[in-house]
Amino acid sequence: METLLDNPVYHALTSGDNSLSHGENVVKYFDESVSPFAGFPIDYKSGFDDLYNELPPGRRILYASINEIDVP
């Protein structure tokens, strides 16, 4: 069972910090002046592809995960 702390950035962006979030559908990210973090559900397989398509050109992000990330 997933807990809030398994994916804290995504849960912040979709709850208490929702007013600070950007992004379409399930992929969310903070404004660059607020935070470098972005998030999406742990089991969402298209998250990084969607982020690539949604982020402004040149924008860099940090992604926190409890799982190892396969670098494409």
N, C-alpha and C. Protein backbone atom coordinates (compact mmCIF):
# COMPACT_ATOMS: atom_id res chain seq x y z
N MET A 1 0.84 -1.18 0.00
CA MET A 1 0.00 0.00 0.00
C MET A 1 0.88 1.25 0.00
N GLU A 2 0.61 2.16 -0.90
CA GLU A 2 1.38 3.40 -1.00
C GLU A 2 0.96 4.35 0.11
N THR A 3 1.94 5.03 0.69
CA THR A 3 1.66 6.05 1.70
C THR A 3 2.04 7.41 1.11
N LEU A 4 1.61 8.47 1.76
CA LEU A 4 1.95 9.82 1.31
C LEU A 4 3.45 10.03 1.21
N LEU A 5 4.20 9.42 2.12
CA LEU A 5 5.65 9.62 2.13
C LEU A 5 6.37 8.79 1.08
N ASP A 6 5.67 7.89 0.40
CA ASP A 6 6.28 7.17 -0.72
C ASP A 6 6.44 8.08 -1.94
N ASN A 7 5.63 9.12 -2.02
CA ASN A 7 5.64 10.03 -3.16
C ASN A 7 5.27 11.44 -2.67
N PRO A 8 6.08 12.03 -1.78
CA PRO A 8 5.68 13.27 -1.12
C PRO A 8 5.55 14.47 -2.06
N VAL A 9 6.37 14.56 -3.09
CA VAL A 9 6.28 15.71 -3.99
C VAL A 9 4.97 15.69 -4.74
N TYR A 10 4.63 14.55 -5.31
CA TYR A 10 3.37 14.45 -6.06
C TYR A 10 2.18 14.75 -5.15
N HIS A 11 2.19 14.20 -3.95
CA HIS A 11 1.07 14.44 -3.05
C HIS A 11 0.99 15.90 -2.62
N ALA A 12 2.11 16.56 -2.45
CA ALA A 12 2.09 17.99 -2.13
C ALA A 12 1.51 18.79 -3.29
N LEU A 13 1.93 18.43 -4.51
CA LEU A 13 1.47 19.16 -5.69
C LEU A 13 -0.01 18.95 -6.00
N THR A 14 -0.59 17.88 -5.48
CA THR A 14 -2.00 17.61 -5.75
C THR A 14 -2.89 17.85 -4.53
N SER A 15 -2.30 18.38 -3.46
CA SER A 15 -3.12 18.66 -2.27
C SER A 15 -2.79 20.05 -1.74
N GLY A 16 -2.06 20.15 -0.66
CA GLY A 16 -1.80 21.42 0.02
C GLY A 16 -1.10 22.46 -0.82
N ASP A 17 -0.22 22.05 -1.74
CA ASP A 17 0.50 22.99 -2.59
C ASP A 17 -0.07 23.04 -4.01
N ASN A 18 -1.30 22.60 -4.16
CA ASN A 18 -1.94 22.58 -5.48
C ASN A 18 -1.93 23.95 -6.15
N SER A 19 -2.06 25.01 -5.36
CA SER A 19 -2.09 26.36 -5.94
C SER A 19 -0.73 26.75 -6.54
N LEU A 20 0.33 26.03 -6.17
CA LEU A 20 1.68 26.31 -6.69
C LEU A 20 2.06 25.38 -7.83
N SER A 21 1.16 24.46 -8.20
CA SER A 21 1.53 23.44 -9.19
C SER A 21 1.17 23.86 -10.61
N HIS A 22 1.94 23.32 -11.53
CA HIS A 22 1.70 23.45 -12.97
C HIS A 22 1.66 22.05 -13.54
N GLY A 23 1.12 21.92 -14.73
CA GLY A 23 1.11 20.63 -15.39
C GLY A 23 -0.28 20.20 -15.78
N GLU A 24 -0.31 19.32 -16.75
CA GLU A 24 -1.57 18.77 -17.25
C GLU A 24 -1.77 17.38 -16.67
N ASN A 25 -3.01 16.97 -16.57
CA ASN A 25 -3.35 15.61 -16.14
C ASN A 25 -2.66 15.23 -14.85
N VAL A 26 -1.88 14.16 -14.84
CA VAL A 26 -1.30 13.65 -13.59
C VAL A 26 0.13 14.09 -13.36
N VAL A 27 0.78 14.68 -14.35
CA VAL A 27 2.16 15.14 -14.20
C VAL A 27 2.13 16.58 -13.69
N LYS A 28 2.78 16.82 -12.57
CA LYS A 28 2.76 18.14 -11.94
C LYS A 28 4.18 18.60 -11.61
N TYR A 29 4.37 19.91 -11.60
CA TYR A 29 5.66 20.46 -11.21
C TYR A 29 5.46 21.84 -10.62
N PHE A 30 6.40 22.23 -9.76
CA PHE A 30 6.37 23.55 -9.16
C PHE A 30 6.91 24.57 -10.15
N ASP A 31 6.48 25.82 -9.97
CA ASP A 31 7.09 26.91 -10.71
C ASP A 31 8.57 26.95 -10.36
N GLU A 32 9.39 27.26 -11.32
CA GLU A 32 10.84 27.25 -11.12
C GLU A 32 11.28 28.18 -9.99
N SER A 33 10.55 29.27 -9.76
CA SER A 33 10.92 30.20 -8.69
C SER A 33 10.57 29.67 -7.30
N VAL A 34 9.75 28.62 -7.25
CA VAL A 34 9.31 28.04 -5.98
C VAL A 34 10.16 26.83 -5.59
N SER A 35 10.32 25.90 -6.53
CA SER A 35 11.01 24.64 -6.22
C SER A 35 11.39 23.93 -7.52
N PRO A 36 12.46 23.14 -7.50
CA PRO A 36 12.84 22.39 -8.70
C PRO A 36 12.10 21.05 -8.84
N PHE A 37 11.24 20.69 -7.90
CA PHE A 37 10.65 19.36 -7.89
C PHE A 37 9.46 19.20 -8.82
N ALA A 38 9.33 17.97 -9.34
CA ALA A 38 8.20 17.56 -10.16
C ALA A 38 7.76 16.19 -9.68
N GLY A 39 6.52 15.81 -9.98
CA GLY A 39 6.05 14.51 -9.54
C GLY A 39 4.91 13.98 -10.39
N PHE A 40 4.72 12.68 -10.27
CA PHE A 40 3.61 11.97 -10.90
C PHE A 40 3.42 10.68 -10.12
N PRO A 41 2.29 10.00 -10.29
CA PRO A 41 2.06 8.77 -9.54
C PRO A 41 3.17 7.73 -9.78
N ILE A 42 3.49 6.98 -8.76
CA ILE A 42 4.57 6.00 -8.82
C ILE A 42 4.37 5.01 -9.96
N ASP A 43 3.15 4.59 -10.19
CA ASP A 43 2.89 3.58 -11.21
C ASP A 43 2.58 4.16 -12.60
N TYR A 44 2.75 5.47 -12.79
CA TYR A 44 2.46 6.10 -14.07
C TYR A 44 3.68 5.98 -14.98
N LYS A 45 3.58 5.13 -15.96
CA LYS A 45 4.72 4.77 -16.83
C LYS A 45 5.15 5.87 -17.79
N SER A 46 4.27 6.81 -18.12
CA SER A 46 4.59 7.86 -19.09
C SER A 46 5.02 9.17 -18.42
N GLY A 47 5.29 9.13 -17.13
CA GLY A 47 5.58 10.35 -16.38
C GLY A 47 6.73 11.17 -16.93
N PHE A 48 7.87 10.54 -17.18
CA PHE A 48 9.02 11.30 -17.66
C PHE A 48 8.80 11.79 -19.10
N ASP A 49 8.15 11.00 -19.92
CA ASP A 49 7.83 11.44 -21.29
C ASP A 49 6.90 12.65 -21.24
N ASP A 50 5.89 12.59 -20.39
CA ASP A 50 4.96 13.72 -20.27
C ASP A 50 5.67 14.96 -19.73
N LEU A 51 6.53 14.77 -18.74
CA LEU A 51 7.29 15.91 -18.22
C LEU A 51 8.12 16.55 -19.32
N TYR A 52 8.80 15.74 -20.10
CA TYR A 52 9.63 16.25 -21.19
C TYR A 52 8.79 17.12 -22.14
N ASN A 53 7.57 16.68 -22.43
CA ASN A 53 6.70 17.40 -23.35
C ASN A 53 6.05 18.63 -22.73
N GLU A 54 5.88 18.64 -21.42
CA GLU A 54 5.16 19.73 -20.76
C GLU A 54 6.05 20.83 -20.19
N LEU A 55 7.27 20.48 -19.80
CA LEU A 55 8.14 21.48 -19.17
C LEU A 55 8.59 22.53 -20.18
N PRO A 56 8.78 23.76 -19.71
CA PRO A 56 9.33 24.79 -20.60
C PRO A 56 10.73 24.38 -21.06
N PRO A 57 11.13 24.79 -22.27
CA PRO A 57 12.47 24.44 -22.78
C PRO A 57 13.58 24.85 -21.80
N GLY A 58 14.51 23.95 -21.59
CA GLY A 58 15.65 24.21 -20.71
C GLY A 58 15.38 24.03 -19.23
N ARG A 59 14.15 23.78 -18.86
CA ARG A 59 13.80 23.62 -17.44
C ARG A 59 14.37 22.31 -16.92
N ARG A 60 15.03 22.37 -15.79
CA ARG A 60 15.55 21.18 -15.12
C ARG A 60 14.72 20.93 -13.88
N ILE A 61 14.58 19.66 -13.55
CA ILE A 61 13.76 19.30 -12.39
C ILE A 61 14.50 18.31 -11.50
N LEU A 62 13.98 18.14 -10.31
CA LEU A 62 14.39 17.07 -9.41
C LEU A 62 13.18 16.17 -9.22
N TYR A 63 13.42 14.88 -9.19
CA TYR A 63 12.34 13.91 -8.99
C TYR A 63 12.74 13.00 -7.85
N ALA A 64 11.91 12.93 -6.83
CA ALA A 64 12.17 12.08 -5.66
C ALA A 64 11.41 10.78 -5.79
N SER A 65 12.10 9.67 -5.54
CA SER A 65 11.45 8.36 -5.66
C SER A 65 12.02 7.38 -4.65
N ILE A 66 11.17 6.50 -4.17
CA ILE A 66 11.66 5.42 -3.29
C ILE A 66 12.17 4.27 -4.13
N ASN A 67 11.89 4.30 -5.42
CA ASN A 67 12.31 3.24 -6.33
C ASN A 67 13.51 3.66 -7.17
N GLU A 68 14.29 2.71 -7.61
CA GLU A 68 15.38 3.00 -8.52
C GLU A 68 14.77 3.43 -9.86
N ILE A 69 15.37 4.43 -10.47
CA ILE A 69 14.87 4.95 -11.74
C ILE A 69 15.73 4.45 -12.88
N ASP A 70 15.09 3.88 -13.89
CA ASP A 70 15.81 3.46 -15.09
C ASP A 70 16.03 4.67 -15.97
N VAL A 71 17.28 5.02 -16.21
CA VAL A 71 17.59 6.17 -17.06
C VAL A 71 17.50 5.74 -18.52
N PRO A 72 16.69 6.47 -19.30
CA PRO A 72 16.52 6.09 -20.72
C PRO A 72 17.79 6.30 -21.53
